Protein backbone atom coordinates (compact mmCIF):
# COMPACT_ATOMS: atom_id res chain seq x y z
CA UNK A 1 -8.77 4.51 5.02
CA UNK A 2 -7.77 7.36 2.81
CA UNK A 3 -4.49 9.23 2.77
CA UNK A 4 -3.71 12.90 2.80
CA UNK A 5 -3.17 14.37 -0.67
CA UNK A 6 -0.24 16.27 0.85
CA UNK A 7 1.62 12.96 1.11
CA UNK A 8 1.28 11.95 -2.52
CA UNK A 9 4.16 13.97 -4.00
CA UNK A 10 6.70 13.25 -1.22
CA UNK A 11 5.93 9.52 -1.18
CA UNK A 12 6.07 9.24 -4.97
CA UNK A 13 9.35 11.15 -4.86
CA UNK A 14 10.93 8.24 -2.97
CA UNK A 15 10.10 5.88 -5.83
CA UNK A 16 11.93 5.85 -9.15
CA UNK A 17 9.92 7.19 -12.10
CA UNK A 18 10.30 3.89 -13.92
CA UNK A 19 9.52 0.96 -11.64
CA UNK A 20 10.32 -1.52 -14.40
CA UNK A 21 9.35 -4.98 -13.18
CA UNK A 22 10.06 -4.35 -9.50
CA UNK A 23 7.88 -5.85 -6.78
CA UNK A 24 6.07 -3.23 -4.68
CA UNK A 25 4.46 -4.12 -1.35
CA UNK A 26 1.58 -1.97 -0.07
CA UNK A 27 1.03 -2.86 3.60
CA UNK A 28 -2.35 -1.68 4.82
CA UNK A 29 -3.58 -1.22 1.26
CA UNK A 30 -7.14 -0.39 2.36
CA UNK A 31 -9.16 0.78 -0.63
CA UNK A 32 -6.13 0.59 -2.95
CA UNK A 33 -5.44 4.30 -3.27
CA UNK A 34 -1.64 3.99 -3.24
CA UNK A 35 -1.73 1.10 -5.67
CA UNK A 36 -3.87 3.17 -8.04
CA UNK A 37 -1.58 6.18 -7.71
CA UNK A 38 1.48 4.05 -8.46
CA UNK A 39 -0.22 2.42 -11.46
CA UNK A 40 -1.29 5.77 -12.94
CA UNK A 41 1.68 8.01 -12.12
CA UNK A 42 4.72 5.75 -12.46
CA UNK A 43 6.15 4.01 -15.51
CA UNK A 44 6.92 0.35 -15.94
CA UNK A 45 5.02 -2.78 -15.05
CA UNK A 46 5.62 -3.33 -11.35
CA UNK A 47 4.17 -6.35 -9.58
CA UNK A 48 1.98 -4.81 -6.87
CA UNK A 49 1.13 -6.78 -3.75
CA UNK A 50 -1.59 -5.40 -1.49
CA UNK A 51 -1.72 -6.53 2.13
CA UNK A 52 -4.49 -5.75 4.59
CA UNK A 53 -6.06 -7.24 7.68
CA UNK A 54 -9.66 -6.51 6.74
CA UNK A 55 -11.14 -8.91 4.17
CA UNK A 56 -13.90 -6.53 2.94
CA UNK A 57 -11.24 -4.06 1.74
CA UNK A 58 -9.51 -6.80 -0.23
CA UNK A 59 -12.78 -8.08 -1.68
CA UNK A 60 -13.75 -4.56 -2.75
CA UNK A 61 -10.50 -3.81 -4.59
CA UNK A 62 -10.03 -7.26 -6.12
CA UNK A 63 -12.34 -6.43 -9.03
CA UNK A 64 -10.45 -3.19 -9.74
CA UNK A 65 -7.35 -5.09 -10.92
CA UNK A 66 -4.98 -2.63 -9.25
CA UNK A 67 -2.89 -5.26 -7.48
CA UNK A 68 -1.35 -8.36 -8.95
CA UNK A 69 -1.73 -10.16 -5.64
CA UNK A 70 -3.83 -9.49 -2.53
CA UNK A 71 -3.02 -11.01 0.85
CA UNK A 72 -5.04 -10.92 4.04
CA UNK A 73 -2.83 -11.07 7.09
CA UNK A 74 -2.97 -10.04 10.72
CA UNK A 75 0.08 -8.07 11.62
CA UNK A 76 1.45 -9.30 14.93
CA UNK A 77 1.55 -7.09 17.95
CA UNK A 78 4.70 -5.01 18.04
CA UNK A 79 6.55 -5.71 21.28
CA UNK A 80 7.12 -2.24 22.71
CA UNK A 81 7.10 -1.18 26.32
CA UNK A 82 4.02 0.71 27.46
CA UNK A 83 4.38 4.48 27.14
CA UNK A 84 7.59 4.14 25.11
CA UNK A 85 6.00 5.80 22.05
CA UNK A 86 4.97 9.44 22.03
CA UNK A 87 3.10 9.52 18.70
CA UNK A 88 1.41 6.66 16.93
């Protein structure tokens, strides 16, 4: 799934310009867009971990060498009462 380009600047603004050797976790990494953006627009050598539920996404981005580690995992159901969320 892709992201809105309108989110790129605000999200990157939350991250320091130099990530050094920090570990960055990308949950729901999909096609690796955020990992690519972090690799190309931030300084340092962060260790990027991509997590997704769908194996074909992980297989597709593995050859791109964006992430240092890729993990397939099913995220457990979030225990919320029915109709307790207005927007999801």
